[in-house]
Amino acid sequence: MSSPPPSLQFMQRRLAVLEKRHLYRRLKTISDGTKPWLDLSGRRLLNLSSNNYLGLATHPVVASAAATPSESGGGAGASRLITGTFDLHQQLETRLARFKQAEAALLFTSGYTANIGVIPALVGPGDVVLGDELNHASLIDGCRLSRAEFLTYPHCNMAVLEEQLAQAQQSGRRRRLAVTDTVFSMDGDIAPLAEMAALCRRYDAMLFIDEAHATGCLGPGGRGLAAQLGLEEDVTVSMSTFSKALGGFGAFIVGDNLVIEYLINTARSFIFTTALPPAVIATALAALDVLEQEPDRVEQLQSLGTFFRSGLQDLGFDTLTSATHIVPVLVGESEIALAMAAALQEEGVYAVAIRPPTVPLGTARLRASVMASHTRDDLAFALDAFAKVGRRLGLLT
């Protein structure tokens, strides 16, 4: 490759630093990446890195809906407020509101665009927004874009959150907003949502929750952590995605009619984005059909998650505070995580190394995502591979 012009040489230097620190990333072309077993460069590997938690991305009903031609064509053609709202969009929003037992729902093109649009619409200069230090990057970016004072609290530490809320109230902050993931995507643990909701009530604060890794995975019928705890009425806005347990693409929020009407008029990432295409909407509707007809997938997912997590713990691995289908294996340094991921591939298991900045320095890990479409034999195979690799690398005694 020829030498870049002076204006681009900073890119070359940055990439060299990332490679030296074992933080450089490369794209991999993978076949069957949503199935329990995938194909990478002609090798069949057990897939422990997909967010297709319920296996719906490859369910025949969902796949058929995605491939069915629509009279509306391939795209929506405009934003929702121009000519981009079809009957299908409104049909899906009605279904989603019913599914989440909320007054109304609103579609977004992704969880990222939802979070960076909704949070700045709820708070701004003169306000305060408080978030867990391990919140997803999209939540952090939404908080920063809001231009409100942005404070983080130690992971799941409600004592510090209460101090911050009390101080914000005493200092006369106009609006107060607490923001959290309900299932943390890199740790697999669960937010103390009941305590958080109680604090928001006490200090007259709004509560925004990201249920991306909880919807379809927890709660009655897969309705999420808020439903599992009976806290739906305590949440100002709840965001979920179609791209994980529901096996499609896009995102949605639910809330009271007033909240949704307000966000239609103020959330810039909704106002200025072309609507989701018909095939995506049809896929989401089909996924909801399957979930309602096969709710046992939710229980199956958590049962398999418990089996795999317990197996790793019995071997001696540190799975942090995981309590869900997301099971991290903490190793510490990025170089070790990469070596472990490579060794697991040799044993027939695909589990991606997660490194900074996705996780804090010194906490690199393998992140295993269990799917309801895995079998116990699949996961027993994975446990055997983890045991062999752990001993080979000196991670297990």
Protein backbone atom coordinates (compact mmCIF):
# COMPACT_ATOMS: atom_id res chain seq x y z
CA MET A 1 0.00 0.00 0.00
CA SER A 2 1.32 3.43 -0.93
CA SER A 3 2.19 5.94 1.76
CA PRO A 4 -0.82 8.05 2.75
CA PRO A 5 -0.81 11.84 2.24
CA PRO A 6 0.28 13.91 5.28
CA SER A 7 -3.34 14.73 6.16
CA LEU A 8 -4.09 11.02 6.70
CA GLN A 9 -0.90 9.88 8.39
CA PHE A 10 -2.53 10.20 11.82
CA MET A 11 -4.71 7.25 10.83
CA GLN A 12 -1.70 5.09 10.08
CA ARG A 13 -0.10 6.01 13.42
CA ARG A 14 -3.31 5.31 15.35
CA LEU A 15 -3.74 1.92 13.71
CA ALA A 16 -0.14 1.02 14.52
CA VAL A 17 -0.71 1.88 18.19
CA LEU A 18 -3.90 -0.19 18.29
CA GLU A 19 -2.12 -3.19 16.79
CA LYS A 20 0.75 -2.90 19.29
CA ARG A 21 -1.75 -2.89 22.17
CA HIS A 22 -3.65 -5.90 20.78
CA LEU A 23 -6.69 -3.68 20.17
CA TYR A 24 -6.74 -3.75 16.35
CA ARG A 25 -9.91 -5.19 14.82
CA ARG A 26 -10.47 -6.97 11.51
CA LEU A 27 -13.70 -7.91 9.81
CA LYS A 28 -14.36 -11.63 9.34
CA THR A 29 -16.67 -13.09 6.71
CA ILE A 30 -18.83 -15.67 8.47
CA SER A 31 -21.48 -18.00 7.07
CA ASP A 32 -24.47 -18.99 9.21
CA GLY A 33 -23.47 -16.43 11.84
CA THR A 34 -26.90 -16.53 13.49
CA LYS A 35 -27.05 -20.32 13.81
CA PRO A 36 -25.77 -22.47 16.69
CA TRP A 37 -22.96 -23.69 14.43
CA LEU A 38 -21.29 -21.34 11.94
CA ASP A 39 -18.76 -21.64 9.13
CA LEU A 40 -15.53 -19.62 9.25
CA SER A 41 -13.05 -20.14 6.40
CA GLY A 42 -14.42 -23.61 5.79
CA ARG A 43 -14.35 -24.67 9.45
CA ARG A 44 -17.47 -25.61 11.39
CA LEU A 45 -17.46 -23.90 14.81
CA LEU A 46 -19.90 -23.78 17.71
CA ASN A 47 -21.25 -20.24 17.73
CA LEU A 48 -21.08 -18.55 21.15
CA SER A 49 -20.99 -14.99 19.82
CA SER A 50 -24.41 -14.30 18.31
CA ASN A 51 -27.12 -12.09 19.77
CA ASN A 52 -29.78 -14.26 18.10
CA TYR A 53 -30.80 -15.31 21.60
CA LEU A 54 -34.09 -17.05 20.79
CA GLY A 55 -33.02 -18.42 17.42
CA LEU A 56 -35.71 -16.37 15.68
CA ALA A 57 -33.44 -14.93 12.97
CA THR A 58 -33.45 -18.34 11.29
CA HIS A 59 -36.95 -19.45 12.28
CA PRO A 60 -38.85 -20.46 9.10
CA VAL A 61 -41.79 -18.14 9.83
CA VAL A 62 -39.52 -15.14 10.41
CA ALA A 63 -37.27 -15.92 7.45
CA SER A 64 -40.30 -16.31 5.19
CA ALA A 65 -41.69 -12.94 6.28
CA ALA A 66 -38.35 -11.27 5.55
CA ALA A 67 -38.33 -12.69 2.02
CA THR A 68 -41.97 -11.97 1.10
CA PRO A 69 -42.26 -9.18 -1.50
CA SER A 70 -44.21 -6.10 -0.46
CA GLU A 71 -46.43 -3.90 -2.60
CA SER A 72 -44.66 -0.97 -0.93
CA GLY A 73 -41.34 -2.01 -2.45
CA GLY A 74 -37.93 -2.29 -0.86
CA GLY A 75 -37.84 0.92 1.14
CA ALA A 76 -40.07 3.39 2.92
CA GLY A 77 -39.01 6.30 0.72
CA ALA A 78 -39.09 9.00 3.38
CA SER A 79 -39.03 9.76 7.07
CA ARG A 80 -42.08 8.93 9.16
CA LEU A 81 -43.26 12.55 9.25
CA ILE A 82 -43.17 12.93 5.45
CA THR A 83 -44.54 9.93 3.51
CA GLY A 84 -42.78 7.14 5.42
CA THR A 85 -45.55 6.00 7.76
CA PHE A 86 -47.31 2.94 6.32
CA ASP A 87 -50.11 0.83 7.76
CA LEU A 88 -47.44 -1.76 8.58
CA HIS A 89 -45.54 0.69 10.81
CA GLN A 90 -48.66 1.55 12.76
CA GLN A 91 -49.69 -2.10 12.96
CA LEU A 92 -46.31 -3.02 14.44
CA GLU A 93 -46.36 -0.13 16.92
CA THR A 94 -49.80 -1.21 18.12
CA ARG A 95 -48.55 -4.78 18.56
CA LEU A 96 -45.45 -3.62 20.42
CA ALA A 97 -47.42 -1.43 22.81
CA ARG A 98 -49.67 -4.39 23.58
CA PHE A 99 -46.68 -6.73 23.95
CA LYS A 100 -45.00 -4.37 26.44
CA GLN A 101 -48.33 -3.45 28.08
CA ALA A 102 -47.70 0.24 27.41
CA GLU A 103 -49.92 2.99 26.03
CA ALA A 104 -47.87 3.58 22.88
CA ALA A 105 -44.76 2.57 20.95
CA LEU A 106 -42.50 4.27 18.42
CA LEU A 107 -40.12 2.67 15.91
CA PHE A 108 -36.48 3.66 15.38
CA THR A 109 -33.93 2.41 12.86
CA SER A 110 -31.60 1.02 15.55
CA GLY A 111 -31.04 0.96 19.28
CA TYR A 112 -28.19 3.40 18.78
CA THR A 113 -30.32 5.96 16.96
CA ALA A 114 -33.07 5.54 19.55
CA ASN A 115 -30.73 6.23 22.45
CA ILE A 116 -28.97 9.21 20.89
CA GLY A 117 -32.34 10.69 19.90
CA VAL A 118 -34.47 10.08 22.98
CA ILE A 119 -32.05 11.09 25.74
CA PRO A 120 -31.26 14.55 24.27
CA ALA A 121 -35.00 15.09 23.82
CA LEU A 122 -35.61 14.42 27.52
CA VAL A 123 -32.79 16.55 28.99
CA GLY A 124 -30.53 19.39 27.89
CA PRO A 125 -28.47 22.28 29.23
CA GLY A 126 -29.41 23.03 32.84
CA ASP A 127 -30.50 19.44 33.47
CA VAL A 128 -28.65 16.42 34.82
CA VAL A 129 -28.45 12.88 33.45
CA LEU A 130 -27.07 10.01 35.52
CA GLY A 131 -25.87 6.72 34.11
CA ASP A 132 -24.24 3.46 35.15
CA GLU A 133 -20.52 3.46 34.33
CA LEU A 134 -20.97 0.23 32.34
CA ASN A 135 -23.88 1.43 30.22
CA HIS A 136 -23.76 0.70 26.50
CA ALA A 137 -21.85 3.17 24.32
CA SER A 138 -25.09 4.37 22.71
CA LEU A 139 -26.46 5.39 26.11
CA ILE A 140 -23.22 7.18 26.97
CA ASP A 141 -23.24 8.99 23.63
CA GLY A 142 -26.89 9.97 24.09
CA CYS A 143 -26.08 11.42 27.50
CA ARG A 144 -23.12 13.39 26.10
CA LEU A 145 -25.12 14.68 23.13
CA SER A 146 -27.84 15.98 25.44
CA ARG A 147 -25.50 18.70 26.76
CA ALA A 148 -26.97 18.14 30.21
CA GLU A 149 -24.55 17.64 33.09
CA PHE A 150 -23.60 13.98 32.76
CA LEU A 151 -22.66 12.04 35.89
CA THR A 152 -21.82 8.35 36.11
CA TYR A 153 -22.12 6.16 39.18
CA PRO A 154 -20.15 2.98 39.97
CA HIS A 155 -21.69 -0.11 38.43
CA CYS A 156 -25.09 -0.80 40.02
CA ASN A 157 -24.20 1.36 43.05
CA MET A 158 -27.53 2.77 44.20
CA ALA A 159 -26.04 4.58 47.19
CA VAL A 160 -24.00 6.82 44.90
CA LEU A 161 -26.94 7.29 42.53
CA GLU A 162 -29.06 8.47 45.46
CA GLU A 163 -26.40 10.98 46.48
CA GLN A 164 -26.27 12.32 42.92
CA LEU A 165 -30.05 12.57 42.63
CA ALA A 166 -30.36 14.29 46.00
CA GLN A 167 -27.67 16.81 45.09
CA ALA A 168 -29.26 17.45 41.70
CA GLN A 169 -32.63 18.09 43.35
CA GLN A 170 -31.14 20.40 45.97
CA SER A 171 -29.21 22.38 43.35
CA GLY A 172 -32.41 23.04 41.45
CA ARG A 173 -31.66 21.09 38.30
CA ARG A 174 -34.67 21.56 36.06
CA ARG A 175 -34.94 17.93 34.97
CA ARG A 176 -33.31 14.78 36.27
CA LEU A 177 -32.93 11.60 34.23
CA ALA A 178 -31.49 8.24 35.28
CA VAL A 179 -30.36 5.92 32.49
CA THR A 180 -29.45 2.24 32.61
CA ASP A 181 -29.18 -0.99 30.69
CA THR A 182 -31.36 -3.64 32.30
CA VAL A 183 -29.09 -6.50 31.21
CA PHE A 184 -25.49 -5.38 30.77
CA SER A 185 -24.21 -6.69 27.47
CA MET A 186 -20.61 -7.38 28.47
CA ASP A 187 -21.15 -8.63 32.03
CA GLY A 188 -24.47 -10.44 31.71
CA ASP A 189 -25.69 -9.08 35.02
CA ILE A 190 -28.94 -7.31 35.84
CA ALA A 191 -29.53 -3.72 36.94
CA PRO A 192 -31.05 -3.17 40.41
CA LEU A 193 -34.11 -1.77 38.70
CA ALA A 194 -36.51 -1.88 41.66
CA GLU A 195 -34.16 0.25 43.78
CA MET A 196 -33.52 2.57 40.86
CA ALA A 197 -37.23 3.08 40.24
CA ALA A 198 -37.80 3.84 43.92
CA LEU A 199 -35.04 6.46 43.87
CA CYS A 200 -36.48 8.10 40.76
CA ARG A 201 -39.87 8.32 42.46
CA ARG A 202 -38.32 9.78 45.62
CA TYR A 203 -36.34 12.45 43.78
CA ASP A 204 -38.86 13.19 41.02
CA ALA A 205 -36.58 11.93 38.24
CA MET A 206 -37.36 10.36 34.88
CA LEU A 207 -36.16 6.80 34.22
CA PHE A 208 -34.91 5.58 30.83
CA ILE A 209 -34.10 1.88 30.45
CA ASP A 210 -32.39 0.01 27.62
CA GLU A 211 -33.89 -3.49 27.40
CA ALA A 212 -31.94 -4.54 24.29
CA HIS A 213 -30.59 -7.69 25.93
CA ALA A 214 -33.65 -8.30 28.11
CA THR A 215 -36.59 -8.09 25.70
CA GLY A 216 -37.36 -11.58 24.49
CA CYS A 217 -35.04 -13.02 27.15
CA LEU A 218 -36.52 -12.15 30.55
CA GLY A 219 -39.91 -11.63 32.10
CA PRO A 220 -43.36 -13.04 31.32
CA GLY A 221 -43.55 -13.81 27.62
CA GLY A 222 -40.13 -12.22 27.13
CA ARG A 223 -41.41 -8.72 27.95
CA GLY A 224 -38.17 -7.77 29.73
CA LEU A 225 -36.85 -7.00 33.20
CA ALA A 226 -39.31 -4.19 33.94
CA ALA A 227 -42.19 -6.61 33.33
CA GLN A 228 -40.48 -9.33 35.37
CA LEU A 229 -40.34 -6.93 38.33
CA GLY A 230 -43.73 -5.31 37.70
CA LEU A 231 -42.16 -1.88 37.19
CA GLU A 232 -43.58 -0.86 33.80
CA GLU A 233 -45.43 2.13 35.24
CA ASP A 234 -42.25 3.43 36.90
CA VAL A 235 -40.35 3.70 33.61
CA THR A 236 -40.58 6.91 31.56
CA VAL A 237 -39.16 5.40 28.38
CA SER A 238 -38.16 1.80 27.65
CA MET A 239 -36.06 0.99 24.58
CA SER A 240 -35.78 -2.44 22.97
CA THR A 241 -34.28 -3.77 19.76
CA PHE A 242 -35.41 -6.24 17.12
CA SER A 243 -31.80 -7.14 16.30
CA LYS A 244 -31.20 -9.52 19.21
CA ALA A 245 -33.81 -11.89 20.65
CA LEU A 246 -36.40 -10.85 18.05
CA GLY A 247 -34.07 -11.81 15.21
CA GLY A 248 -34.48 -8.80 12.93
CA PHE A 249 -33.34 -5.20 12.67
CA GLY A 250 -34.35 -1.87 14.16
CA ALA A 251 -35.60 -0.75 17.55
CA PHE A 252 -38.59 0.66 19.38
CA ILE A 253 -39.48 2.58 22.49
CA VAL A 254 -42.61 2.38 24.61
CA GLY A 255 -44.15 4.80 27.08
CA ASP A 256 -47.22 6.84 27.85
CA ASN A 257 -49.08 8.51 25.00
CA LEU A 258 -47.80 11.93 26.09
CA VAL A 259 -44.19 10.74 26.07
CA ILE A 260 -44.45 9.16 22.62
CA GLU A 261 -46.23 12.20 21.16
CA TYR A 262 -43.51 14.43 22.62
CA LEU A 263 -40.70 12.30 21.15
CA ILE A 264 -42.30 12.18 17.71
CA ASN A 265 -41.90 15.94 17.72
CA THR A 266 -38.50 16.28 19.43
CA ALA A 267 -36.28 13.20 18.89
CA ARG A 268 -34.02 14.26 16.03
CA SER A 269 -32.90 10.73 15.11
CA PHE A 270 -36.56 9.86 14.56
CA ILE A 271 -37.53 13.04 12.73
CA PHE A 272 -34.61 13.08 10.31
CA THR A 273 -34.31 9.36 9.45
CA THR A 274 -36.00 7.36 6.70
CA ALA A 275 -38.52 4.89 8.09
CA LEU A 276 -37.78 1.19 8.42
CA PRO A 277 -38.48 -0.72 5.17
CA PRO A 278 -41.53 -2.99 4.81
CA ALA A 279 -39.53 -6.25 4.92
CA VAL A 280 -38.03 -5.27 8.28
CA ILE A 281 -41.49 -4.51 9.68
CA ALA A 282 -42.89 -7.80 8.40
CA THR A 283 -39.98 -9.66 10.01
CA ALA A 284 -40.65 -8.02 13.37
CA LEU A 285 -44.35 -8.85 13.21
CA ALA A 286 -43.54 -12.49 12.44
CA ALA A 287 -41.06 -12.65 15.33
CA LEU A 288 -43.73 -11.39 17.72
CA ASP A 289 -46.09 -14.07 16.39
CA VAL A 290 -43.54 -16.81 17.07
CA LEU A 291 -42.67 -15.47 20.53
CA GLU A 292 -46.33 -15.36 21.53
CA GLN A 293 -46.90 -18.89 20.20
CA GLU A 294 -43.68 -20.35 21.67
CA PRO A 295 -43.06 -18.52 24.99
CA ASP A 296 -41.12 -21.52 26.31
CA ARG A 297 -38.15 -20.30 24.27
CA VAL A 298 -37.57 -17.68 26.99
CA GLU A 299 -37.35 -20.27 29.76
CA GLN A 300 -35.21 -22.53 27.57
CA LEU A 301 -32.75 -19.71 27.00
CA GLN A 302 -32.28 -18.97 30.70
CA SER A 303 -32.06 -22.67 31.58
CA LEU A 304 -29.25 -23.15 29.06
CA GLY A 305 -27.56 -19.98 30.30
CA THR A 306 -27.58 -21.31 33.86
CA PHE A 307 -26.20 -24.68 32.72
CA PHE A 308 -23.31 -23.09 30.83
CA ARG A 309 -22.49 -20.46 33.44
CA SER A 310 -22.46 -23.04 36.24
CA GLY A 311 -20.23 -25.29 34.16
CA LEU A 312 -17.68 -22.53 33.63
CA GLN A 313 -17.73 -21.63 37.32
CA ASP A 314 -17.20 -25.27 38.28
CA LEU A 315 -14.11 -25.31 36.06
CA GLY A 316 -12.76 -22.30 37.94
CA PHE A 317 -13.41 -19.48 35.48
CA ASP A 318 -14.48 -16.02 36.65
CA THR A 319 -17.87 -15.22 35.11
CA LEU A 320 -18.17 -11.94 37.02
CA THR A 321 -21.72 -11.32 38.24
CA SER A 322 -23.48 -12.80 35.20
CA ALA A 323 -27.01 -13.99 35.90
CA THR A 324 -28.34 -14.34 32.36
CA HIS A 325 -27.72 -15.86 28.93
CA ILE A 326 -24.68 -13.59 28.51
CA VAL A 327 -21.70 -15.26 30.19
CA PRO A 328 -18.32 -13.49 30.29
CA VAL A 329 -15.07 -15.27 31.07
CA LEU A 330 -12.69 -12.72 32.57
CA VAL A 331 -9.02 -13.10 31.61
CA GLY A 332 -7.63 -9.57 32.16
CA GLU A 333 -5.23 -8.64 29.38
CA SER A 334 -6.17 -8.25 25.73
CA GLU A 335 -3.27 -10.41 24.52
CA ILE A 336 -4.45 -13.31 26.66
CA ALA A 337 -8.06 -12.88 25.52
CA LEU A 338 -6.96 -13.02 21.87
CA ALA A 339 -4.85 -16.11 22.52
CA MET A 340 -7.74 -17.82 24.26
CA ALA A 341 -10.17 -17.00 21.46
CA ALA A 342 -7.71 -18.40 18.89
CA ALA A 343 -7.15 -21.55 20.93
CA LEU A 344 -10.89 -22.09 21.31
CA GLN A 345 -11.29 -21.87 17.54
CA GLU A 346 -8.75 -24.67 17.21
CA GLU A 347 -10.99 -26.70 19.54
CA GLY A 348 -14.08 -25.90 17.43
CA VAL A 349 -15.61 -23.02 19.43
CA TYR A 350 -16.16 -19.44 18.25
CA ALA A 351 -16.15 -17.04 21.19
CA VAL A 352 -14.94 -13.50 20.47
CA ALA A 353 -12.39 -11.70 22.64
CA ILE A 354 -13.83 -8.48 24.06
CA ARG A 355 -11.22 -5.79 24.63
CA PRO A 356 -10.98 -2.10 25.53
CA PRO A 357 -12.57 0.29 24.82
CA THR A 358 -15.62 -1.99 24.82
CA VAL A 359 -14.69 -2.98 28.37
CA PRO A 360 -12.41 -1.20 30.89
CA LEU A 361 -8.64 -1.68 30.77
CA GLY A 362 -7.51 -4.85 32.45
CA THR A 363 -10.88 -6.57 32.07
CA ALA A 364 -10.57 -8.21 28.65
CA ARG A 365 -12.69 -11.31 28.40
CA LEU A 366 -14.34 -13.93 26.27
CA ARG A 367 -18.05 -13.19 25.99
CA ALA A 368 -20.25 -16.20 25.45
CA SER A 369 -23.83 -15.70 24.28
CA VAL A 370 -26.08 -18.70 24.79
CA MET A 371 -29.01 -19.19 22.41
CA ALA A 372 -32.24 -21.09 22.92
CA SER A 373 -31.35 -22.99 19.75
CA HIS A 374 -28.23 -24.46 21.37
CA THR A 375 -28.49 -27.94 22.88
CA ARG A 376 -26.99 -29.10 26.16
CA ASP A 377 -24.65 -31.28 24.12
CA ASP A 378 -23.48 -28.16 22.26
CA LEU A 379 -22.71 -26.40 25.52
CA ALA A 380 -21.07 -29.49 27.04
CA PHE A 381 -18.79 -29.53 23.98
CA ALA A 382 -17.98 -25.86 24.65
CA LEU A 383 -17.25 -26.50 28.32
CA ASP A 384 -14.81 -29.26 27.37
CA ALA A 385 -13.05 -26.86 24.98
CA PHE A 386 -12.86 -24.12 27.62
CA ALA A 387 -11.38 -26.62 30.09
CA LYS A 388 -8.67 -27.72 27.62
CA VAL A 389 -7.76 -24.18 26.59
CA GLY A 390 -7.86 -22.84 30.15
CA ARG A 391 -5.37 -25.45 31.32
CA ARG A 392 -3.16 -25.00 28.26
CA LEU A 393 -2.90 -21.24 28.83
CA GLY A 394 -2.40 -21.56 32.57
CA LEU A 395 -5.74 -19.97 33.42
CA LEU A 396 -6.94 -23.06 35.28
CA THR A 397 -5.07 -25.18 37.76
